[in-house]
Amino acid sequence: MSTEAREHLDRLIVDVPDYPEPGVVFKDITPLLADHEAFGSVVSALAAAGRDGSGGRAVDKVVGMEARGFILAAPVALELGAGFVPVRKVGKLPRATHAVSYSLEYGEATLEVHRDGIAPGDRVLLVDDVLATGGTVAATRELVERCGGTCVGVAVLMELSFLPGRDGVGGLPLTALMTV
């Protein structure tokens, strides 16, 4: 990652204490998104995870997880010249889907992807804003594999080092632009 991208992250991600509940420090990325130069440098840094050693595109699809993952994954897909596929909460996609339920630290969640969103053999980069417990990444990987695709990496804006997110990534290469 460029020094410029790192400086943007440090300057424009704002800590919001006690949100959404007491004791939690929420990382607000909206100032970063509002700054064209900063947003562009972060998108380029995330897109690097979808390139091969010579800088060529190494993925066919970029998958973004609801909701802030969409904001990052769509421009990453454009920069790579790859397709974008959203992974949504249950009931949000209008056609035939694959679904995976998984545990969160506070309950259960279900994610879905259109069955035809990823073709057999597609190489897929998973992009999200935060890697926390790893449950969302693991569930999304399972969805990609049910479609016949192969996950080749995970790229996130930030990794929460005090949570076991890397466990959910498994053996996939992980690009985290910042670790907190």
Protein backbone atom coordinates (compact mmCIF):
# COMPACT_ATOMS: atom_id res chain seq x y z
CA MET A 1 0.00 0.00 0.00
CA SER A 2 1.22 3.47 -0.78
CA THR A 3 2.28 5.88 1.93
CA GLU A 4 -0.36 8.24 0.55
CA ALA A 5 -3.17 5.70 1.09
CA ARG A 6 -1.97 5.02 4.64
CA GLU A 7 -1.92 8.74 5.44
CA HIS A 8 -5.47 9.09 4.12
CA LEU A 9 -6.65 6.22 6.32
CA ASP A 10 -5.00 7.66 9.42
CA ARG A 11 -6.38 11.15 8.77
CA LEU A 12 -9.91 10.39 7.56
CA ILE A 13 -11.21 7.40 9.53
CA VAL A 14 -12.91 8.87 12.57
CA ASP A 15 -13.40 7.07 15.88
CA VAL A 16 -16.91 7.42 17.28
CA PRO A 17 -16.96 6.26 20.91
CA ASP A 18 -19.93 4.38 22.36
CA TYR A 19 -21.60 3.73 19.00
CA PRO A 20 -23.74 1.74 18.38
CA GLU A 21 -23.58 0.82 22.08
CA PRO A 22 -21.53 1.79 25.14
CA GLY A 23 -17.96 0.48 25.05
CA VAL A 24 -17.78 0.15 21.26
CA VAL A 25 -15.56 2.47 19.21
CA PHE A 26 -17.09 2.68 15.74
CA LYS A 27 -14.72 3.38 12.83
CA ASP A 28 -16.52 5.90 10.61
CA ILE A 29 -15.23 5.70 7.02
CA THR A 30 -17.59 8.32 5.55
CA PRO A 31 -14.98 11.15 5.67
CA LEU A 32 -12.64 8.89 3.67
CA LEU A 33 -15.35 8.16 1.12
CA ALA A 34 -16.13 11.88 0.75
CA ASP A 35 -12.55 12.70 -0.22
CA HIS A 36 -12.06 11.85 -3.92
CA GLU A 37 -8.27 11.55 -3.74
CA ALA A 38 -8.33 9.47 -0.56
CA PHE A 39 -11.09 7.17 -1.80
CA GLY A 40 -9.22 6.62 -5.07
CA SER A 41 -5.97 5.73 -3.32
CA VAL A 42 -7.76 3.23 -1.06
CA VAL A 43 -9.57 1.62 -4.01
CA SER A 44 -6.24 1.23 -5.82
CA ALA A 45 -4.64 -0.31 -2.72
CA LEU A 46 -7.51 -2.80 -2.35
CA ALA A 47 -7.44 -3.62 -6.08
CA ALA A 48 -3.78 -4.63 -5.78
CA ALA A 49 -5.03 -7.81 -4.05
CA GLY A 50 -6.72 -8.79 -7.33
CA ARG A 51 -3.61 -8.40 -9.50
CA ASP A 52 -0.92 -10.92 -10.38
CA GLY A 53 2.83 -10.37 -10.03
CA SER A 54 3.02 -8.46 -13.31
CA GLY A 55 0.12 -6.16 -12.39
CA GLY A 56 -2.45 -7.90 -14.57
CA ARG A 57 -5.95 -8.79 -13.46
CA ALA A 58 -5.96 -12.10 -11.56
CA VAL A 59 -9.71 -12.24 -10.81
CA ASP A 60 -12.92 -12.50 -12.80
CA LYS A 61 -15.29 -11.21 -10.11
CA VAL A 62 -15.11 -9.02 -7.03
CA VAL A 63 -17.63 -9.85 -4.31
CA GLY A 64 -18.74 -7.18 -1.84
CA MET A 65 -20.56 -7.99 1.37
CA GLU A 66 -23.53 -5.95 2.57
CA ALA A 67 -23.43 -3.12 3.25
CA ARG A 68 -20.20 -1.10 3.41
CA GLY A 69 -18.41 -3.78 1.42
CA PHE A 70 -20.51 -2.73 -1.60
CA ILE A 71 -19.08 0.79 -1.43
CA LEU A 72 -15.53 -0.53 -1.69
CA ALA A 73 -15.95 -3.62 -3.87
CA ALA A 74 -17.77 -1.99 -6.79
CA PRO A 75 -15.01 0.54 -7.60
CA VAL A 76 -12.37 -2.16 -7.00
CA ALA A 77 -14.12 -4.29 -9.64
CA LEU A 78 -14.15 -1.34 -12.05
CA GLU A 79 -10.46 -0.66 -11.47
CA LEU A 80 -9.63 -4.33 -12.11
CA GLY A 81 -11.90 -4.67 -15.14
CA ALA A 82 -13.79 -7.44 -13.35
CA GLY A 83 -17.45 -8.03 -12.58
CA PHE A 84 -19.01 -7.01 -9.26
CA VAL A 85 -21.28 -9.40 -7.34
CA PRO A 86 -23.16 -8.33 -4.20
CA VAL A 87 -23.66 -10.68 -1.27
CA ARG A 88 -26.83 -9.57 0.49
CA LYS A 89 -28.79 -10.21 3.64
CA VAL A 90 -31.53 -12.80 3.23
CA GLY A 91 -34.55 -11.76 1.20
CA LYS A 92 -32.90 -8.85 -0.65
CA LEU A 93 -32.09 -10.58 -3.96
CA PRO A 94 -34.96 -11.14 -6.41
CA ARG A 95 -33.92 -14.35 -8.20
CA ALA A 96 -32.71 -17.84 -7.28
CA THR A 97 -29.99 -17.72 -4.63
CA HIS A 98 -27.63 -19.78 -2.57
CA ALA A 99 -27.88 -19.00 1.15
CA VAL A 100 -25.56 -19.56 4.11
CA SER A 101 -26.41 -18.99 7.76
CA TYR A 102 -23.63 -18.35 10.23
CA SER A 103 -23.07 -17.29 13.83
CA LEU A 104 -22.23 -13.81 14.98
CA GLU A 105 -21.05 -12.86 18.44
CA TYR A 106 -24.60 -11.67 19.14
CA GLY A 107 -26.78 -14.06 17.14
CA GLU A 108 -27.25 -15.52 13.68
CA ALA A 109 -27.21 -14.07 10.19
CA THR A 110 -27.93 -15.35 6.68
CA LEU A 111 -26.28 -14.17 3.48
CA GLU A 112 -27.32 -14.84 -0.11
CA VAL A 113 -25.85 -14.58 -3.59
CA HIS A 114 -27.56 -15.03 -6.94
CA ARG A 115 -26.89 -18.56 -8.18
CA ASP A 116 -25.74 -17.20 -11.54
CA GLY A 117 -23.68 -14.33 -10.12
CA ILE A 118 -20.50 -16.37 -10.16
CA ALA A 119 -19.79 -18.87 -12.92
CA PRO A 120 -18.01 -22.18 -12.33
CA GLY A 121 -14.29 -21.52 -12.50
CA ASP A 122 -14.51 -17.79 -11.78
CA ARG A 123 -11.63 -16.49 -9.69
CA VAL A 124 -13.05 -14.25 -6.96
CA LEU A 125 -11.68 -11.53 -4.69
CA LEU A 126 -13.72 -10.87 -1.51
CA VAL A 127 -13.81 -7.21 -0.43
CA ASP A 128 -15.26 -5.76 2.76
CA ASP A 129 -14.70 -2.78 5.01
CA VAL A 130 -13.81 -4.57 8.25
CA LEU A 131 -12.52 -8.02 9.15
CA ALA A 132 -13.79 -8.70 12.68
CA THR A 133 -14.81 -12.23 13.70
CA GLY A 134 -14.37 -13.69 10.21
CA GLY A 135 -17.88 -15.12 10.04
CA THR A 136 -18.97 -12.98 7.10
CA VAL A 137 -15.85 -13.88 5.09
CA ALA A 138 -16.26 -17.61 5.81
CA ALA A 139 -19.95 -17.54 4.84
CA THR A 140 -19.23 -15.55 1.67
CA ARG A 141 -16.46 -17.96 0.69
CA GLU A 142 -18.93 -20.83 1.06
CA LEU A 143 -21.41 -19.01 -1.20
CA VAL A 144 -18.74 -18.47 -3.87
CA GLU A 145 -17.78 -22.15 -3.72
CA ARG A 146 -21.43 -23.26 -3.99
CA CYS A 147 -21.57 -21.30 -7.26
CA GLY A 148 -18.46 -23.11 -8.47
CA GLY A 149 -16.10 -20.17 -8.07
CA THR A 150 -12.73 -20.07 -6.34
CA CYS A 151 -11.80 -17.43 -3.80
CA VAL A 152 -8.27 -16.19 -4.42
CA GLY A 153 -8.02 -13.56 -1.71
CA VAL A 154 -9.63 -11.21 0.76
CA ALA A 155 -9.09 -7.44 0.84
CA VAL A 156 -10.38 -5.25 3.67
CA LEU A 157 -10.00 -1.65 4.65
CA MET A 158 -9.25 -2.58 8.26
CA GLU A 159 -8.69 -5.64 10.41
CA LEU A 160 -9.65 -5.66 14.07
CA SER A 161 -6.66 -7.48 15.56
CA PHE A 162 -8.34 -8.12 18.90
CA LEU A 163 -10.91 -10.40 17.22
CA PRO A 164 -10.29 -13.78 15.52
CA GLY A 165 -11.06 -12.65 11.95
CA ARG A 166 -8.10 -14.42 10.39
CA ASP A 167 -9.62 -17.74 11.46
CA GLY A 168 -12.53 -17.12 9.08
CA VAL A 169 -10.17 -16.26 6.22
CA GLY A 170 -8.61 -19.71 6.38
CA GLY A 171 -5.62 -20.03 4.09
CA LEU A 172 -6.64 -17.22 1.72
CA PRO A 173 -4.22 -14.35 1.19
CA LEU A 174 -5.39 -11.37 3.25
CA THR A 175 -4.78 -7.73 2.42
CA ALA A 176 -5.72 -5.39 5.27
CA LEU A 177 -4.93 -1.74 4.63
CA MET A 178 -4.84 -1.01 8.36
CA THR A 179 -4.91 -3.03 11.55
CA VAL A 180 -6.45 -1.72 14.74
